Amino acid sequence: MLAVNFRGLDDVAKFRELTKVTYPLVLDKEQRVVKRFVDGYLPWNAVVDRDGVVRFTKLGWDANVAEIKKVLKEAIAAGK
């Protein structure tokens, strides 16, 4: 799991401080991830497997954590 930010290092630091997340936060200045996966609106939650297949998407902050965990477990079980 990771978070992708395309605005700048200051935003990454603010997000980490605000949310207290422990997973990696990465900077995507060229917006490669955004251009490949995001369809217009942020924040956007996704599960992308090792092959680059999008297995789950949800727009907004209210992503269903139980649903994301289920998708992650399925992807891991499938070796993805």
PDB file of N, CA and C in Angstrom:
ATOM      1  N   MET A   1       0.845  -1.156   0.000  1.00  0.00           N
ATOM      2  CA  MET A   1       0.000   0.000   0.000  1.00  0.00           C
ATOM      3  C   MET A   1       0.896   1.225   0.000  1.00  0.00           C
ATOM      4  N   LEU A   2       0.462   2.227  -0.729  1.00  0.00           N
ATOM      5  CA  LEU A   2       1.181   3.490  -0.732  1.00  0.00           C
ATOM      6  C   LEU A   2       0.242   4.602  -1.135  1.00  0.00           C
ATOM      7  N   ALA A   3       0.664   5.805  -0.849  1.00  0.00           N
ATOM      8  CA  ALA A   3      -0.074   6.995  -1.271  1.00  0.00           C
ATOM      9  C   ALA A   3       0.774   7.714  -2.306  1.00  0.00           C
ATOM     10  N   VAL A   4       0.114   8.244  -3.335  1.00  0.00           N
ATOM     11  CA  VAL A   4       0.812   8.950  -4.400  1.00  0.00           C
ATOM     12  C   VAL A   4       0.372  10.405  -4.382  1.00  0.00           C
ATOM     13  N   ASN A   5       1.345  11.307  -4.366  1.00  0.00           N
ATOM     14  CA  ASN A   5       1.077  12.734  -4.404  1.00  0.00           C
ATOM     15  C   ASN A   5       1.785  13.311  -5.608  1.00  0.00           C
ATOM     16  N   PHE A   6       1.137  14.218  -6.314  1.00  0.00           N
ATOM     17  CA  PHE A   6       1.769  14.802  -7.499  1.00  0.00           C
ATOM     18  C   PHE A   6       2.005  16.310  -7.347  1.00  0.00           C
ATOM     19  N   ARG A   7       1.698  16.867  -6.192  1.00  0.00           N
ATOM     20  CA  ARG A   7       1.818  18.314  -6.023  1.00  0.00           C
ATOM     21  C   ARG A   7       3.189  18.749  -5.534  1.00  0.00           C
ATOM     22  N   GLY A   8       3.746  18.046  -4.551  1.00  0.00           N
ATOM     23  CA  GLY A   8       5.048  18.452  -4.042  1.00  0.00           C
ATOM     24  C   GLY A   8       5.344  17.858  -2.683  1.00  0.00           C
ATOM     25  N   LEU A   9       6.598  17.958  -2.290  1.00  0.00           N
ATOM     26  CA  LEU A   9       7.031  17.380  -1.024  1.00  0.00           C
ATOM     27  C   LEU A   9       6.341  18.000   0.178  1.00  0.00           C
ATOM     28  N   ASP A  10       6.009  19.273   0.120  1.00  0.00           N
ATOM     29  CA  ASP A  10       5.301  19.902   1.234  1.00  0.00           C
ATOM     30  C   ASP A  10       3.949  19.247   1.463  1.00  0.00           C
ATOM     31  N   ASP A  11       3.233  18.920   0.385  1.00  0.00           N
ATOM     32  CA  ASP A  11       1.942  18.251   0.508  1.00  0.00           C
ATOM     33  C   ASP A  11       2.095  16.845   1.069  1.00  0.00           C
ATOM     34  N   VAL A  12       3.152  16.153   0.684  1.00  0.00           N
ATOM     35  CA  VAL A  12       3.405  14.812   1.205  1.00  0.00           C
ATOM     36  C   VAL A  12       3.608  14.888   2.716  1.00  0.00           C
ATOM     37  N   ALA A  13       4.426  15.826   3.160  1.00  0.00           N
ATOM     38  CA  ALA A  13       4.693  15.990   4.591  1.00  0.00           C
ATOM     39  C   ALA A  13       3.416  16.368   5.352  1.00  0.00           C
ATOM     40  N   LYS A  14       2.607  17.264   4.790  1.00  0.00           N
ATOM     41  CA  LYS A  14       1.354  17.663   5.433  1.00  0.00           C
ATOM     42  C   LYS A  14       0.396  16.479   5.547  1.00  0.00           C
ATOM     43  N   PHE A  15       0.302  15.672   4.472  1.00  0.00           N
ATOM     44  CA  PHE A  15      -0.583  14.504   4.489  1.00  0.00           C
ATOM     45  C   PHE A  15      -0.152  13.533   5.577  1.00  0.00           C
ATOM     46  N   ARG A  16       1.154  13.259   5.647  1.00  0.00           N
ATOM     47  CA  ARG A  16       1.650  12.324   6.664  1.00  0.00           C
ATOM     48  C   ARG A  16       1.336  12.846   8.066  1.00  0.00           C
ATOM     49  N   GLU A  17       1.559  14.120   8.302  1.00  0.00           N
ATOM     50  CA  GLU A  17       1.294  14.701   9.616  1.00  0.00           C
ATOM     51  C   GLU A  17      -0.202  14.652   9.949  1.00  0.00           C
ATOM     52  N   LEU A  18      -1.034  14.973   8.995  1.00  0.00           N
ATOM     53  CA  LEU A  18      -2.477  14.999   9.204  1.00  0.00           C
ATOM     54  C   LEU A  18      -3.056  13.607   9.450  1.00  0.00           C
ATOM     55  N   THR A  19      -2.630  12.637   8.651  1.00  0.00           N
ATOM     56  CA  THR A  19      -3.248  11.311   8.703  1.00  0.00           C
ATOM     57  C   THR A  19      -2.519  10.315   9.589  1.00  0.00           C
ATOM     58  N   LYS A  20      -1.239  10.597   9.876  1.00  0.00           N
ATOM     59  CA  LYS A  20      -0.414   9.689  10.685  1.00  0.00           C
ATOM     60  C   LYS A  20      -0.245   8.318  10.036  1.00  0.00           C
ATOM     61  N   VAL A  21      -0.340   8.237   8.719  1.00  0.00           N
ATOM     62  CA  VAL A  21      -0.180   6.957   8.029  1.00  0.00           C
ATOM     63  C   VAL A  21       1.245   6.450   8.186  1.00  0.00           C
ATOM     64  N   THR A  22       1.386   5.136   8.116  1.00  0.00           N
ATOM     65  CA  THR A  22       2.710   4.524   8.248  1.00  0.00           C
ATOM     66  C   THR A  22       3.174   3.882   6.946  1.00  0.00           C
ATOM     67  N   TYR A  23       2.312   3.856   5.941  1.00  0.00           N
ATOM     68  CA  TYR A  23       2.708   3.279   4.662  1.00  0.00           C
ATOM     69  C   TYR A  23       3.458   4.323   3.831  1.00  0.00           C
ATOM     70  N   PRO A  24       4.162   3.874   2.780  1.00  0.00           N
ATOM     71  CA  PRO A  24       4.966   4.807   1.982  1.00  0.00           C
ATOM     72  C   PRO A  24       4.130   5.878   1.281  1.00  0.00           C
ATOM     73  N   LEU A  25       4.669   7.071   1.242  1.00  0.00           N
ATOM     74  CA  LEU A  25       4.093   8.182   0.494  1.00  0.00           C
ATOM     75  C   LEU A  25       5.105   8.548  -0.583  1.00  0.00           C
ATOM     76  N   VAL A  26       4.670   8.534  -1.825  1.00  0.00           N
ATOM     77  CA  VAL A  26       5.597   8.798  -2.926  1.00  0.00           C
ATOM     78  C   VAL A  26       5.165  10.033  -3.700  1.00  0.00           C
ATOM     79  N   LEU A  27       6.136  10.678  -4.304  1.00  0.00           N
ATOM     80  CA  LEU A  27       5.898  11.873  -5.095  1.00  0.00           C
ATOM     81  C   LEU A  27       5.953  11.513  -6.573  1.00  0.00           C
ATOM     82  N   ASP A  28       4.947  11.944  -7.314  1.00  0.00           N
ATOM     83  CA  ASP A  28       4.838  11.652  -8.745  1.00  0.00           C
ATOM     84  C   ASP A  28       4.730  12.988  -9.493  1.00  0.00           C
ATOM     85  N   LYS A  29       5.843  13.711  -9.560  1.00  0.00           N
ATOM     86  CA  LYS A  29       5.842  15.053 -10.167  1.00  0.00           C
ATOM     87  C   LYS A  29       5.350  15.048 -11.609  1.00  0.00           C
ATOM     88  N   GLU A  30       5.669  14.002 -12.342  1.00  0.00           N
ATOM     89  CA  GLU A  30       5.271  13.934 -13.750  1.00  0.00           C
ATOM     90  C   GLU A  30       3.834  13.431 -13.926  1.00  0.00           C
ATOM     91  N   GLN A  31       3.188  13.089 -12.826  1.00  0.00           N
ATOM     92  CA  GLN A  31       1.796  12.612 -12.805  1.00  0.00           C
ATOM     93  C   GLN A  31       1.591  11.354 -13.649  1.00  0.00           C
ATOM     94  N   ARG A  32       2.563  10.487 -13.684  1.00  0.00           N
ATOM     95  CA  ARG A  32       2.438   9.242 -14.453  1.00  0.00           C
ATOM     96  C   ARG A  32       1.336   8.353 -13.904  1.00  0.00           C
ATOM     97  N   VAL A  33       1.263   8.229 -12.576  1.00  0.00           N
ATOM     98  CA  VAL A  33       0.222   7.389 -11.965  1.00  0.00           C
ATOM     99  C   VAL A  33      -1.147   8.006 -12.209  1.00  0.00           C
ATOM    100  N   VAL A  34      -1.249   9.308 -11.982  1.00  0.00           N
ATOM    101  CA  VAL A  34      -2.524  10.002 -12.187  1.00  0.00           C
ATOM    102  C   VAL A  34      -3.007   9.830 -13.623  1.00  0.00           C
ATOM    103  N   LYS A  35      -2.130  10.051 -14.573  1.00  0.00           N
ATOM    104  CA  LYS A  35      -2.510   9.938 -15.984  1.00  0.00           C
ATOM    105  C   LYS A  35      -2.906   8.529 -16.368  1.00  0.00           C
ATOM    106  N   ARG A  36      -2.287   7.538 -15.736  1.00  0.00           N
ATOM    107  CA  ARG A  36      -2.578   6.146 -16.104  1.00  0.00           C
ATOM    108  C   ARG A  36      -3.848   5.619 -15.450  1.00  0.00           C
ATOM    109  N   PHE A  37      -4.108   6.012 -14.203  1.00  0.00           N
ATOM    110  CA  PHE A  37      -5.186   5.371 -13.459  1.00  0.00           C
ATOM    111  C   PHE A  37      -6.338   6.265 -13.047  1.00  0.00           C
ATOM    112  N   VAL A  38      -6.125   7.544 -12.803  1.00  0.00           N
ATOM    113  CA  VAL A  38      -7.162   8.399 -12.228  1.00  0.00           C
ATOM    114  C   VAL A  38      -8.027   8.994 -13.331  1.00  0.00           C
ATOM    115  N   ASP A  39      -9.333   8.945 -13.096  1.00  0.00           N
ATOM    116  CA  ASP A  39     -10.287   9.436 -14.081  1.00  0.00           C
ATOM    117  C   ASP A  39     -10.884  10.771 -13.637  1.00  0.00           C
ATOM    118  N   GLY A  40     -10.032  11.765 -13.442  1.00  0.00           N
ATOM    119  CA  GLY A  40     -10.511  13.116 -13.241  1.00  0.00           C
ATOM    120  C   GLY A  40     -10.602  13.673 -11.847  1.00  0.00           C
ATOM    121  N   TYR A  41     -10.940  12.899 -10.843  1.00  0.00           N
ATOM    122  CA  TYR A  41     -11.197  13.468  -9.522  1.00  0.00           C
ATOM    123  C   TYR A  41     -10.299  12.848  -8.460  1.00  0.00           C
ATOM    124  N   LEU A  42      -9.966  13.656  -7.452  1.00  0.00           N
ATOM    125  CA  LEU A  42      -9.149  13.212  -6.331  1.00  0.00           C
ATOM    126  C   LEU A  42      -9.846  13.609  -5.042  1.00  0.00           C
ATOM    127  N   PRO A  43      -9.675  12.945  -3.932  1.00  0.00           N
ATOM    128  CA  PRO A  43      -8.844  11.763  -3.777  1.00  0.00           C
ATOM    129  C   PRO A  43      -9.472  10.548  -4.428  1.00  0.00           C
ATOM    130  N   TRP A  44      -8.631   9.614  -4.764  1.00  0.00           N
ATOM    131  CA  TRP A  44      -9.046   8.421  -5.490  1.00  0.00           C
ATOM    132  C   TRP A  44      -8.328   7.236  -4.873  1.00  0.00           C
ATOM    133  N   ASN A  45      -9.067   6.206  -4.520  1.00  0.00           N
ATOM    134  CA  ASN A  45      -8.509   5.004  -3.908  1.00  0.00           C
ATOM    135  C   ASN A  45      -8.548   3.886  -4.921  1.00  0.00           C
ATOM    136  N   ALA A  46      -7.483   3.111  -4.953  1.00  0.00           N
ATOM    137  CA  ALA A  46      -7.428   2.008  -5.908  1.00  0.00           C
ATOM    138  C   ALA A  46      -6.580   0.879  -5.374  1.00  0.00           C
ATOM    139  N   VAL A  47      -6.903  -0.305  -5.855  1.00  0.00           N
ATOM    140  CA  VAL A  47      -6.036  -1.462  -5.667  1.00  0.00           C
ATOM    141  C   VAL A  47      -5.594  -1.859  -7.065  1.00  0.00           C
ATOM    142  N   VAL A  48      -4.281  -1.784  -7.279  1.00  0.00           N
ATOM    143  CA  VAL A  48      -3.692  -2.143  -8.571  1.00  0.00           C
ATOM    144  C   VAL A  48      -2.765  -3.318  -8.320  1.00  0.00           C
ATOM    145  N   ASP A  49      -2.965  -4.415  -9.050  1.00  0.00           N
ATOM    146  CA  ASP A  49      -2.138  -5.586  -8.786  1.00  0.00           C
ATOM    147  C   ASP A  49      -0.758  -5.465  -9.433  1.00  0.00           C
ATOM    148  N   ARG A  50       0.060  -6.482  -9.240  1.00  0.00           N
ATOM    149  CA  ARG A  50       1.439  -6.453  -9.736  1.00  0.00           C
ATOM    150  C   ARG A  50       1.531  -6.359 -11.251  1.00  0.00           C
ATOM    151  N   ASP A  51       0.459  -6.777 -11.933  1.00  0.00           N
ATOM    152  CA  ASP A  51       0.438  -6.724 -13.395  1.00  0.00           C
ATOM    153  C   ASP A  51      -0.106  -5.402 -13.921  1.00  0.00           C
ATOM    154  N   GLY A  52      -0.449  -4.486 -13.002  1.00  0.00           N
ATOM    155  CA  GLY A  52      -0.986  -3.193 -13.402  1.00  0.00           C
ATOM    156  C   GLY A  52      -2.482  -3.210 -13.653  1.00  0.00           C
ATOM    157  N   VAL A  53      -3.161  -4.300 -13.265  1.00  0.00           N
ATOM    158  CA  VAL A  53      -4.608  -4.407 -13.440  1.00  0.00           C
ATOM    159  C   VAL A  53      -5.303  -3.743 -12.254  1.00  0.00           C
ATOM    160  N   VAL A  54      -6.210  -2.826 -12.540  1.00  0.00           N
ATOM    161  CA  VAL A  54      -6.964  -2.156 -11.487  1.00  0.00           C
ATOM    162  C   VAL A  54      -8.049  -3.106 -11.011  1.00  0.00           C
ATOM    163  N   ARG A  55      -7.988  -3.474  -9.735  1.00  0.00           N
ATOM    164  CA  ARG A  55      -8.938  -4.434  -9.159  1.00  0.00           C
ATOM    165  C   ARG A  55     -10.037  -3.767  -8.340  1.00  0.00           C
ATOM    166  N   PHE A  56      -9.831  -2.493  -7.962  1.00  0.00           N
ATOM    167  CA  PHE A  56     -10.816  -1.789  -7.154  1.00  0.00           C
ATOM    168  C   PHE A  56     -10.589  -0.292  -7.321  1.00  0.00           C
ATOM    169  N   THR A  57     -11.659   0.477  -7.395  1.00  0.00           N
ATOM    170  CA  THR A  57     -11.554   1.934  -7.380  1.00  0.00           C
ATOM    171  C   THR A  57     -12.685   2.521  -6.558  1.00  0.00           C
ATOM    172  N   LYS A  58     -12.398   3.628  -5.933  1.00  0.00           N
ATOM    173  CA  LYS A  58     -13.416   4.351  -5.170  1.00  0.00           C
ATOM    174  C   LYS A  58     -13.005   5.807  -5.107  1.00  0.00           C
ATOM    175  N   LEU A  59     -13.880   6.676  -5.492  1.00  0.00           N
ATOM    176  CA  LEU A  59     -13.635   8.112  -5.453  1.00  0.00           C
ATOM    177  C   LEU A  59     -13.976   8.639  -4.069  1.00  0.00           C
ATOM    178  N   GLY A  60     -13.127   9.493  -3.528  1.00  0.00           N
ATOM    179  CA  GLY A  60     -13.431  10.172  -2.280  1.00  0.00           C
ATOM    180  C   GLY A  60     -12.749   9.573  -1.067  1.00  0.00           C
ATOM    181  N   TRP A  61     -12.961  10.237   0.064  1.00  0.00           N
ATOM    182  CA  TRP A  61     -12.325   9.842   1.318  1.00  0.00           C
ATOM    183  C   TRP A  61     -13.026   8.687   1.992  1.00  0.00           C
ATOM    184  N   ASP A  62     -14.244   8.375   1.598  1.00  0.00           N
ATOM    185  CA  ASP A  62     -15.037   7.382   2.320  1.00  0.00           C
ATOM    186  C   ASP A  62     -14.917   5.973   1.743  1.00  0.00           C
ATOM    187  N   ALA A  63     -13.731   5.586   1.343  1.00  0.00           N
ATOM    188  CA  ALA A  63     -13.528   4.249   0.799  1.00  0.00           C
ATOM    189  C   ALA A  63     -13.870   3.207   1.858  1.00  0.00           C
ATOM    190  N   ASN A  64     -14.532   2.159   1.442  1.00  0.00           N
ATOM    191  CA  ASN A  64     -14.914   1.084   2.332  1.00  0.00           C
ATOM    192  C   ASN A  64     -13.687   0.233   2.640  1.00  0.00           C
ATOM    193  N   VAL A  65     -13.152   0.376   3.832  1.00  0.00           N
ATOM    194  CA  VAL A  65     -11.923  -0.320   4.215  1.00  0.00           C
ATOM    195  C   VAL A  65     -12.108  -1.835   4.145  1.00  0.00           C
ATOM    196  N   ALA A  66     -13.254  -2.341   4.571  1.00  0.00           N
ATOM    197  CA  ALA A  66     -13.506  -3.777   4.526  1.00  0.00           C
ATOM    198  C   ALA A  66     -13.470  -4.287   3.084  1.00  0.00           C
ATOM    199  N   GLU A  67     -14.037  -3.515   2.174  1.00  0.00           N
ATOM    200  CA  GLU A  67     -14.038  -3.912   0.764  1.00  0.00           C
ATOM    201  C   GLU A  67     -12.620  -3.894   0.191  1.00  0.00           C
ATOM    202  N   ILE A  68     -11.846  -2.892   0.548  1.00  0.00           N
ATOM    203  CA  ILE A  68     -10.460  -2.815   0.081  1.00  0.00           C
ATOM    204  C   ILE A  68      -9.660  -3.998   0.616  1.00  0.00           C
ATOM    205  N   LYS A  69      -9.836  -4.328   1.888  1.00  0.00           N
ATOM    206  CA  LYS A  69      -9.130  -5.480   2.470  1.00  0.00           C
ATOM    207  C   LYS A  69      -9.494  -6.769   1.751  1.00  0.00           C
ATOM    208  N   LYS A  70     -10.770  -6.923   1.423  1.00  0.00           N
ATOM    209  CA  LYS A  70     -11.221  -8.121   0.706  1.00  0.00           C
ATOM    210  C   LYS A  70     -10.528  -8.225  -0.653  1.00  0.00           C
ATOM    211  N   VAL A  71     -10.494  -7.128  -1.385  1.00  0.00           N
ATOM    212  CA  VAL A  71      -9.855  -7.111  -2.701  1.00  0.00           C
ATOM    213  C   VAL A  71      -8.361  -7.399  -2.569  1.00  0.00           C
ATOM    214  N   LEU A  72      -7.715  -6.803  -1.561  1.00  0.00           N
ATOM    215  CA  LEU A  72      -6.296  -7.065  -1.334  1.00  0.00           C
ATOM    216  C   LEU A  72      -6.036  -8.542  -1.036  1.00  0.00           C
ATOM    217  N   LYS A  73      -6.848  -9.131  -0.170  1.00  0.00           N
ATOM    218  CA  LYS A  73      -6.683 -10.553   0.159  1.00  0.00           C
ATOM    219  C   LYS A  73      -6.857 -11.422  -1.079  1.00  0.00           C
ATOM    220  N   GLU A  74      -7.846 -11.103  -1.912  1.00  0.00           N
ATOM    221  CA  GLU A  74      -8.055 -11.868  -3.148  1.00  0.00           C
ATOM    222  C   GLU A  74      -6.870 -11.747  -4.078  1.00  0.00           C
ATOM    223  N   ALA A  75      -6.330 -10.541  -4.205  1.00  0.00           N
ATOM    224  CA  ALA A  75      -5.178 -10.336  -5.088  1.00  0.00           C
ATOM    225  C   ALA A  75      -3.954 -11.090  -4.575  1.00  0.00           C
ATOM    226  N   ILE A  76      -3.746 -11.054  -3.270  1.00  0.00           N
ATOM    227  CA  ILE A  76      -2.617 -11.779  -2.682  1.00  0.00           C
ATOM    228  C   ILE A  76      -2.786 -13.277  -2.874  1.00  0.00           C
ATOM    229  N   ALA A  77      -3.995 -13.776  -2.640  1.00  0.00           N
ATOM    230  CA  ALA A  77      -4.254 -15.201  -2.811  1.00  0.00           C
ATOM    231  C   ALA A  77      -4.031 -15.647  -4.257  1.00  0.00           C
ATOM    232  N   ALA A  78      -4.296 -14.752  -5.203  1.00  0.00           N
ATOM    233  CA  ALA A  78      -4.111 -15.068  -6.618  1.00  0.00           C
ATOM    234  C   ALA A  78      -2.669 -14.854  -7.055  1.00  0.00           C
ATOM    235  N   GLY A  79      -1.820 -14.429  -6.137  1.00  0.00           N
ATOM    236  CA  GLY A  79      -0.426 -14.178  -6.474  1.00  0.00           C
ATOM    237  C   GLY A  79      -0.216 -12.896  -7.218  1.00  0.00           C
ATOM    238  N   LYS A  80      -1.135 -11.988  -7.114  1.00  0.00           N
ATOM    239  CA  LYS A  80      -1.067 -10.719  -7.840  1.00  0.00           C
ATOM    240  C   LYS A  80      -0.646  -9.632  -6.899  1.00  0.00           C
TER     241      LYS A  80
END
